[in-house]
Amino acid sequence: MKTTTILRKAAAMLFALMLVMTYSCDSGIDIDDTDYPDALIIRELPKLTIMGKHLESVVINSQQELESVFNDTELQREESLAAIDFSKYTLLLGYGTYGNEVSTMEHYYAKIGKGSYRYLIEISGLATQPDAFRYGVIVPKLPKTAKVTFEIEKL
């Protein structure tokens, strides 16, 4: 009787382990994923009113890439962009529009596979004034091959 119970528990544990391993393989999650950092937000930026040259969401890994988006006057005006150490960090810089003036932003950043990330921002607003804005987070340095999907969810 005790042997049967122990065998059932061992079989259940083995089955659970197989499910976890199958899920990890099927979902694209790589257990040995040391080339790509975990999804961790170092710092959230406030809503930015400077637009820059490109009206798109971009992954910025260097000062030169940042300067290709914003001119010197814009960079001097926005303190949150002034002191990013690009040897350690990457800037995920999004662009969006909203039918109301954005008053609330919630940032979410997740690793969805080897070299793939999802950056979601949930926004809401009060005044009925259309708004174009930039948003962003500073994250641990990403390789140039990393793929980031930017998404905006309106609450």
C-alpha atoms as a PDB file:
ATOM      1  CA  MET A   1       0.000   0.000   0.000  1.00  0.00           C
ATOM      2  CA  LYS A   2       2.777   2.452   0.939  1.00  0.00           C
ATOM      3  CA  THR A   3       4.760   1.423  -2.138  1.00  0.00           C
ATOM      4  CA  THR A   4       1.777   2.186  -4.385  1.00  0.00           C
ATOM      5  CA  THR A   5       1.317   5.643  -2.813  1.00  0.00           C
ATOM      6  CA  ILE A   6       5.016   6.454  -3.203  1.00  0.00           C
ATOM      7  CA  LEU A   7       4.968   5.275  -6.819  1.00  0.00           C
ATOM      8  CA  ARG A   8       1.880   7.408  -7.567  1.00  0.00           C
ATOM      9  CA  LYS A   9       3.491  10.491  -6.036  1.00  0.00           C
ATOM     10  CA  ALA A  10       6.712   9.869  -7.975  1.00  0.00           C
ATOM     11  CA  ALA A  11       4.741   9.433 -11.206  1.00  0.00           C
ATOM     12  CA  ALA A  12       2.804  12.656 -10.546  1.00  0.00           C
ATOM     13  CA  MET A  13       6.029  14.564  -9.889  1.00  0.00           C
ATOM     14  CA  LEU A  14       7.619  13.135 -13.047  1.00  0.00           C
ATOM     15  CA  PHE A  15       4.542  14.107 -15.069  1.00  0.00           C
ATOM     16  CA  ALA A  16       4.636  17.661 -13.682  1.00  0.00           C
ATOM     17  CA  LEU A  17       8.337  17.935 -14.513  1.00  0.00           C
ATOM     18  CA  MET A  18       7.683  16.734 -18.060  1.00  0.00           C
ATOM     19  CA  LEU A  19       4.932  19.345 -18.464  1.00  0.00           C
ATOM     20  CA  VAL A  20       7.249  22.121 -17.345  1.00  0.00           C
ATOM     21  CA  MET A  21      10.001  20.952 -19.688  1.00  0.00           C
ATOM     22  CA  THR A  22       7.567  20.618 -22.594  1.00  0.00           C
ATOM     23  CA  TYR A  23       6.160  24.097 -21.962  1.00  0.00           C
ATOM     24  CA  SER A  24       9.659  25.579 -21.817  1.00  0.00           C
ATOM     25  CA  CYS A  25      10.613  24.004 -25.152  1.00  0.00           C
ATOM     26  CA  ASP A  26       7.320  24.735 -26.925  1.00  0.00           C
ATOM     27  CA  SER A  27       7.058  28.354 -25.807  1.00  0.00           C
ATOM     28  CA  GLY A  28      10.521  29.305 -27.032  1.00  0.00           C
ATOM     29  CA  ILE A  29      11.846  29.835 -23.530  1.00  0.00           C
ATOM     30  CA  ASP A  30      15.459  28.800 -23.349  1.00  0.00           C
ATOM     31  CA  ILE A  31      16.596  27.672 -19.935  1.00  0.00           C
ATOM     32  CA  ASP A  32      20.216  28.594 -20.783  1.00  0.00           C
ATOM     33  CA  ASP A  33      19.524  32.117 -22.032  1.00  0.00           C
ATOM     34  CA  THR A  34      22.638  33.879 -20.763  1.00  0.00           C
ATOM     35  CA  ASP A  35      23.188  36.018 -23.887  1.00  0.00           C
ATOM     36  CA  TYR A  36      20.094  38.091 -23.149  1.00  0.00           C
ATOM     37  CA  PRO A  37      19.330  39.835 -19.843  1.00  0.00           C
ATOM     38  CA  ASP A  38      16.153  39.320 -17.876  1.00  0.00           C
ATOM     39  CA  ALA A  39      13.372  41.854 -18.321  1.00  0.00           C
ATOM     40  CA  LEU A  40      14.074  44.379 -15.604  1.00  0.00           C
ATOM     41  CA  ILE A  41      13.166  48.060 -15.615  1.00  0.00           C
ATOM     42  CA  ILE A  42      15.978  50.167 -14.187  1.00  0.00           C
ATOM     43  CA  ARG A  43      14.117  53.471 -14.489  1.00  0.00           C
ATOM     44  CA  GLU A  44      10.809  54.659 -15.951  1.00  0.00           C
ATOM     45  CA  LEU A  45      10.874  57.945 -17.815  1.00  0.00           C
ATOM     46  CA  PRO A  46       8.111  60.506 -17.421  1.00  0.00           C
ATOM     47  CA  LYS A  47       5.892  61.345 -20.392  1.00  0.00           C
ATOM     48  CA  LEU A  48       8.085  63.216 -22.859  1.00  0.00           C
ATOM     49  CA  THR A  49       6.733  66.102 -24.898  1.00  0.00           C
ATOM     50  CA  ILE A  50       9.761  66.310 -27.195  1.00  0.00           C
ATOM     51  CA  MET A  51       9.155  64.349 -30.386  1.00  0.00           C
ATOM     52  CA  GLY A  52      12.488  64.249 -32.191  1.00  0.00           C
ATOM     53  CA  LYS A  53      13.098  63.388 -35.819  1.00  0.00           C
ATOM     54  CA  HIS A  54      11.423  59.983 -35.996  1.00  0.00           C
ATOM     55  CA  LEU A  55       7.838  59.325 -34.970  1.00  0.00           C
ATOM     56  CA  GLU A  56       8.299  55.653 -34.188  1.00  0.00           C
ATOM     57  CA  SER A  57       9.267  53.440 -31.281  1.00  0.00           C
ATOM     58  CA  VAL A  58      12.970  52.581 -31.168  1.00  0.00           C
ATOM     59  CA  VAL A  59      15.569  50.641 -29.175  1.00  0.00           C
ATOM     60  CA  ILE A  60      18.521  52.932 -28.411  1.00  0.00           C
ATOM     61  CA  ASN A  61      21.870  51.381 -27.475  1.00  0.00           C
ATOM     62  CA  SER A  62      24.244  54.349 -27.856  1.00  0.00           C
ATOM     63  CA  GLN A  63      24.564  58.100 -27.490  1.00  0.00           C
ATOM     64  CA  GLN A  64      24.861  58.390 -31.283  1.00  0.00           C
ATOM     65  CA  GLU A  65      21.522  56.589 -31.731  1.00  0.00           C
ATOM     66  CA  LEU A  66      19.928  58.926 -29.177  1.00  0.00           C
ATOM     67  CA  GLU A  67      21.327  61.972 -30.999  1.00  0.00           C
ATOM     68  CA  SER A  68      19.916  60.667 -34.283  1.00  0.00           C
ATOM     69  CA  VAL A  69      16.435  61.000 -32.749  1.00  0.00           C
ATOM     70  CA  PHE A  70      16.792  64.220 -30.710  1.00  0.00           C
ATOM     71  CA  ASN A  71      18.788  67.388 -31.388  1.00  0.00           C
ATOM     72  CA  ASP A  72      21.024  69.027 -28.759  1.00  0.00           C
ATOM     73  CA  THR A  73      18.361  71.549 -27.681  1.00  0.00           C
ATOM     74  CA  GLU A  74      15.818  68.778 -27.042  1.00  0.00           C
ATOM     75  CA  LEU A  75      18.346  66.677 -25.127  1.00  0.00           C
ATOM     76  CA  GLN A  76      19.307  69.625 -22.916  1.00  0.00           C
ATOM     77  CA  ARG A  77      15.641  70.293 -22.191  1.00  0.00           C
ATOM     78  CA  GLU A  78      14.912  66.710 -21.120  1.00  0.00           C
ATOM     79  CA  GLU A  79      16.965  65.775 -18.036  1.00  0.00           C
ATOM     80  CA  SER A  80      15.825  62.123 -17.997  1.00  0.00           C
ATOM     81  CA  LEU A  81      17.743  61.514 -21.253  1.00  0.00           C
ATOM     82  CA  ALA A  82      20.905  63.379 -20.273  1.00  0.00           C
ATOM     83  CA  ALA A  83      22.831  60.854 -18.181  1.00  0.00           C
ATOM     84  CA  ILE A  84      22.159  57.388 -19.602  1.00  0.00           C
ATOM     85  CA  ASP A  85      25.208  55.132 -19.428  1.00  0.00           C
ATOM     86  CA  PHE A  86      24.859  53.239 -22.714  1.00  0.00           C
ATOM     87  CA  SER A  87      27.728  50.905 -21.807  1.00  0.00           C
ATOM     88  CA  LYS A  88      25.402  49.346 -19.206  1.00  0.00           C
ATOM     89  CA  TYR A  89      21.874  50.271 -20.297  1.00  0.00           C
ATOM     90  CA  THR A  90      19.498  50.401 -23.244  1.00  0.00           C
ATOM     91  CA  LEU A  91      16.744  52.981 -23.707  1.00  0.00           C
ATOM     92  CA  LEU A  92      13.406  51.704 -24.986  1.00  0.00           C
ATOM     93  CA  LEU A  93      11.805  54.825 -26.438  1.00  0.00           C
ATOM     94  CA  GLY A  94       8.190  54.613 -27.533  1.00  0.00           C
ATOM     95  CA  TYR A  95       5.944  56.946 -29.483  1.00  0.00           C
ATOM     96  CA  GLY A  96       2.175  57.097 -29.224  1.00  0.00           C
ATOM     97  CA  THR A  97      -0.953  59.142 -29.706  1.00  0.00           C
ATOM     98  CA  TYR A  98      -4.086  59.290 -27.599  1.00  0.00           C
ATOM     99  CA  GLY A  99      -7.467  61.012 -27.928  1.00  0.00           C
ATOM    100  CA  ASN A 100      -7.109  62.541 -24.461  1.00  0.00           C
ATOM    101  CA  GLU A 101      -4.179  64.158 -22.733  1.00  0.00           C
ATOM    102  CA  VAL A 102      -2.205  61.335 -21.098  1.00  0.00           C
ATOM    103  CA  SER A 103      -2.239  61.674 -17.324  1.00  0.00           C
ATOM    104  CA  THR A 104      -1.408  58.137 -16.181  1.00  0.00           C
ATOM    105  CA  MET A 105       1.162  55.653 -17.522  1.00  0.00           C
ATOM    106  CA  GLU A 106       1.906  52.160 -16.234  1.00  0.00           C
ATOM    107  CA  HIS A 107       5.005  50.451 -17.693  1.00  0.00           C
ATOM    108  CA  TYR A 108       5.316  46.661 -18.123  1.00  0.00           C
ATOM    109  CA  TYR A 109       8.329  44.904 -19.603  1.00  0.00           C
ATOM    110  CA  ALA A 110       8.620  41.148 -20.107  1.00  0.00           C
ATOM    111  CA  LYS A 111      10.945  38.646 -21.721  1.00  0.00           C
ATOM    112  CA  ILE A 112       8.885  36.524 -24.110  1.00  0.00           C
ATOM    113  CA  GLY A 113      11.601  34.299 -25.558  1.00  0.00           C
ATOM    114  CA  LYS A 114      15.297  34.167 -26.344  1.00  0.00           C
ATOM    115  CA  GLY A 115      16.150  37.662 -27.506  1.00  0.00           C
ATOM    116  CA  SER A 116      12.505  38.809 -27.582  1.00  0.00           C
ATOM    117  CA  TYR A 117      10.888  41.321 -25.241  1.00  0.00           C
ATOM    118  CA  ARG A 118       7.517  43.020 -24.884  1.00  0.00           C
ATOM    119  CA  TYR A 119       7.195  46.584 -23.621  1.00  0.00           C
ATOM    120  CA  LEU A 120       3.602  47.461 -22.792  1.00  0.00           C
ATOM    121  CA  ILE A 121       2.403  50.802 -21.544  1.00  0.00           C
ATOM    122  CA  GLU A 122      -1.103  51.276 -20.191  1.00  0.00           C
ATOM    123  CA  ILE A 123      -2.342  54.845 -20.465  1.00  0.00           C
ATOM    124  CA  SER A 124      -5.347  56.874 -19.452  1.00  0.00           C
ATOM    125  CA  GLY A 125      -6.205  60.546 -19.610  1.00  0.00           C
ATOM    126  CA  LEU A 126      -8.613  63.135 -18.366  1.00  0.00           C
ATOM    127  CA  ALA A 127      -8.789  66.179 -20.621  1.00  0.00           C
ATOM    128  CA  THR A 128     -10.349  65.739 -24.059  1.00  0.00           C
ATOM    129  CA  GLN A 129      -7.336  67.082 -25.889  1.00  0.00           C
ATOM    130  CA  PRO A 130      -5.478  64.833 -28.358  1.00  0.00           C
ATOM    131  CA  ASP A 131      -1.962  64.006 -27.237  1.00  0.00           C
ATOM    132  CA  ALA A 132       1.162  62.845 -29.078  1.00  0.00           C
ATOM    133  CA  PHE A 133       3.869  61.747 -26.693  1.00  0.00           C
ATOM    134  CA  ARG A 134       7.035  59.792 -26.098  1.00  0.00           C
ATOM    135  CA  TYR A 135       7.509  57.303 -23.277  1.00  0.00           C
ATOM    136  CA  GLY A 136      10.349  55.072 -22.224  1.00  0.00           C
ATOM    137  CA  VAL A 137      12.246  52.897 -19.809  1.00  0.00           C
ATOM    138  CA  ILE A 138      15.896  52.241 -19.174  1.00  0.00           C
ATOM    139  CA  VAL A 139      16.729  48.527 -19.048  1.00  0.00           C
ATOM    140  CA  PRO A 140      19.908  46.439 -18.739  1.00  0.00           C
ATOM    141  CA  LYS A 141      21.980  46.518 -21.940  1.00  0.00           C
ATOM    142  CA  LEU A 142      20.335  44.523 -24.730  1.00  0.00           C
ATOM    143  CA  PRO A 143      22.274  43.008 -27.627  1.00  0.00           C
ATOM    144  CA  LYS A 144      21.686  44.674 -30.997  1.00  0.00           C
ATOM    145  CA  THR A 145      19.915  41.495 -32.146  1.00  0.00           C
ATOM    146  CA  ALA A 146      17.260  41.719 -29.430  1.00  0.00           C
ATOM    147  CA  LYS A 147      13.718  42.283 -30.671  1.00  0.00           C
ATOM    148  CA  VAL A 148      11.379  44.518 -28.663  1.00  0.00           C
ATOM    149  CA  THR A 149       7.665  44.792 -29.352  1.00  0.00           C
ATOM    150  CA  PHE A 150       6.139  48.097 -28.223  1.00  0.00           C
ATOM    151  CA  GLU A 151       2.448  48.105 -27.318  1.00  0.00           C
ATOM    152  CA  ILE A 152       0.047  50.727 -25.963  1.00  0.00           C
ATOM    153  CA  GLU A 153      -3.117  49.732 -24.161  1.00  0.00           C
ATOM    154  CA  LYS A 154      -5.665  52.455 -23.580  1.00  0.00           C
ATOM    155  CA  LEU A 155      -7.623  52.105 -20.358  1.00  0.00           C
END
